[in-house]
Amino acid sequence: QVQLVESGGGLVQAGGSLRLSCAASGITFSIYSMAWYRQTPGKQRVLVASISSSGSNIYYEDSVKGRFTISRENAENTVYLQMNSLKPEDTAVYYCNKDLRRAVLLDWGQGTQVTVSS
């Protein structure tokens, strides 16, 4: 059974940091580019960062460049998102999944809520 489980969200003040984790099961994790997405109420999910299967190619959406760092540990079937210098506009539910530009998406997990207070 394919499953994505996100964790690590929470409430943080502007300027603070959080580290999100996503554990994947039921897939051959190491062969897929993975990504983090975020969604705010009434809006579509947006891809904010992606990482290739080997970790050698990384993409960031402009608004998070220089503040967020995506990484992965294939031996643990886990992808991470280190978020620094958080801003109120980063408030969203964060999800992981395959990189939609390269593969068919899996069923979404429950996501993890990130709330940044000003």
Protein backbone atom coordinates (compact mmCIF):
# COMPACT_ATOMS: atom_id res chain seq x y z
CA GLN A 1 0.00 0.00 0.00
CA VAL A 2 1.38 3.34 -1.05
CA GLN A 3 1.53 5.87 1.73
CA LEU A 4 3.01 9.32 2.25
CA VAL A 5 3.22 10.60 5.81
CA GLU A 6 4.23 14.21 6.40
CA SER A 7 5.28 15.55 9.79
CA GLY A 8 7.14 18.39 11.44
CA GLY A 9 4.76 21.27 10.97
CA GLY A 10 3.68 23.63 13.70
CA LEU A 11 3.28 27.20 14.81
CA VAL A 12 6.36 29.39 14.59
CA GLN A 13 7.08 33.10 14.70
CA ALA A 14 8.26 34.95 11.63
CA GLY A 15 11.97 34.42 11.18
CA GLY A 16 11.85 31.00 12.75
CA SER A 17 12.61 27.57 11.33
CA LEU A 18 10.94 24.22 10.88
CA ARG A 19 12.04 20.93 9.40
CA LEU A 20 9.43 18.88 7.62
CA SER A 21 9.76 15.16 6.98
CA CYS A 22 7.92 12.89 4.59
CA ALA A 23 8.13 9.13 4.91
CA ALA A 24 7.12 7.15 1.86
CA SER A 25 6.16 3.50 1.74
CA GLY A 26 4.91 1.15 -0.93
CA ILE A 27 7.01 2.66 -3.71
CA THR A 28 10.54 2.30 -4.99
CA PHE A 29 11.38 5.65 -3.48
CA SER A 30 14.92 5.90 -4.75
CA ILE A 31 13.99 6.02 -8.43
CA TYR A 32 11.62 8.99 -8.23
CA SER A 33 12.11 12.70 -8.13
CA MET A 34 10.23 13.94 -5.10
CA ALA A 35 8.77 17.30 -4.26
CA TRP A 36 7.18 19.39 -1.58
CA TYR A 37 3.96 21.24 -2.28
CA ARG A 38 1.91 23.68 -0.27
CA GLN A 39 -1.71 24.69 -0.29
CA THR A 40 -3.66 27.52 1.27
CA PRO A 41 -7.45 27.56 1.60
CA GLY A 42 -9.22 28.10 -1.70
CA LYS A 43 -6.06 27.78 -3.76
CA GLN A 44 -4.40 25.00 -5.70
CA ARG A 45 -1.40 23.10 -4.42
CA VAL A 46 1.84 24.69 -5.56
CA LEU A 47 5.15 22.92 -6.00
CA VAL A 48 7.74 24.71 -3.89
CA ALA A 49 10.77 22.43 -4.11
CA SER A 50 11.82 19.26 -5.86
CA ILE A 51 14.79 16.91 -5.76
CA SER A 52 15.90 14.34 -8.27
CA SER A 53 16.26 10.67 -7.41
CA SER A 54 19.97 11.01 -6.71
CA GLY A 55 19.67 14.41 -5.10
CA SER A 56 21.86 16.03 -7.71
CA ASN A 57 19.18 18.24 -9.27
CA ILE A 58 17.15 20.55 -7.09
CA TYR A 59 14.50 23.12 -7.92
CA TYR A 60 13.02 25.86 -5.77
CA GLU A 61 10.09 28.10 -6.46
CA ASP A 62 11.23 31.72 -6.44
CA SER A 63 9.53 32.70 -3.20
CA VAL A 64 11.44 30.10 -1.16
CA LYS A 65 14.87 30.29 -2.78
CA GLY A 66 17.59 30.93 -0.26
CA ARG A 67 15.31 30.05 2.66
CA PHE A 68 14.19 26.45 2.09
CA THR A 69 16.40 23.41 1.54
CA ILE A 70 15.10 20.11 0.22
CA SER A 71 17.01 16.89 0.84
CA ARG A 72 16.40 13.18 0.83
CA GLU A 73 17.62 9.99 2.41
CA ASN A 74 16.90 7.13 0.04
CA ALA A 75 17.92 4.50 2.57
CA GLU A 76 15.10 5.74 4.79
CA ASN A 77 12.57 6.51 2.04
CA THR A 78 12.34 10.02 3.41
CA VAL A 79 12.40 13.51 1.95
CA TYR A 80 12.95 16.60 4.07
CA LEU A 81 12.27 20.30 3.80
CA GLN A 82 14.31 22.61 6.00
CA MET A 83 12.53 25.94 6.21
CA ASN A 84 14.40 28.94 7.57
CA SER A 85 13.54 32.63 7.80
CA LEU A 86 9.88 31.77 7.69
CA LYS A 87 7.37 34.42 6.69
CA PRO A 88 3.63 34.66 7.37
CA GLU A 89 3.03 34.01 3.67
CA ASP A 90 4.60 30.57 4.11
CA THR A 91 1.57 29.57 6.16
CA ALA A 92 -0.01 26.58 4.41
CA VAL A 93 -0.51 22.86 4.56
CA TYR A 94 2.59 21.19 3.19
CA TYR A 95 2.51 17.92 1.28
CA CYS A 96 5.09 15.71 -0.36
CA ASN A 97 4.62 13.65 -3.49
CA LYS A 98 6.41 12.74 -6.66
CA ASP A 99 7.50 15.64 -8.83
CA LEU A 100 4.42 16.18 -10.98
CA ARG A 101 6.57 17.32 -13.90
CA ARG A 102 8.18 13.89 -14.14
CA ALA A 103 5.73 11.28 -12.88
CA VAL A 104 2.14 10.53 -12.09
CA LEU A 105 1.27 11.67 -8.62
CA LEU A 106 0.54 9.29 -5.78
CA ASP A 107 -2.49 9.63 -3.55
CA TRP A 108 -1.89 12.61 -1.29
CA GLY A 109 -1.08 12.19 2.37
CA GLN A 110 -2.68 14.21 5.14
CA GLY A 111 -0.13 16.99 4.92
CA THR A 112 1.36 18.95 7.79
CA GLN A 113 0.17 22.41 8.81
CA VAL A 114 2.71 25.21 9.00
CA THR A 115 1.57 28.44 10.58
CA VAL A 116 3.87 31.45 10.74
CA SER A 117 2.78 34.29 13.00
CA SER A 118 3.86 37.86 12.43
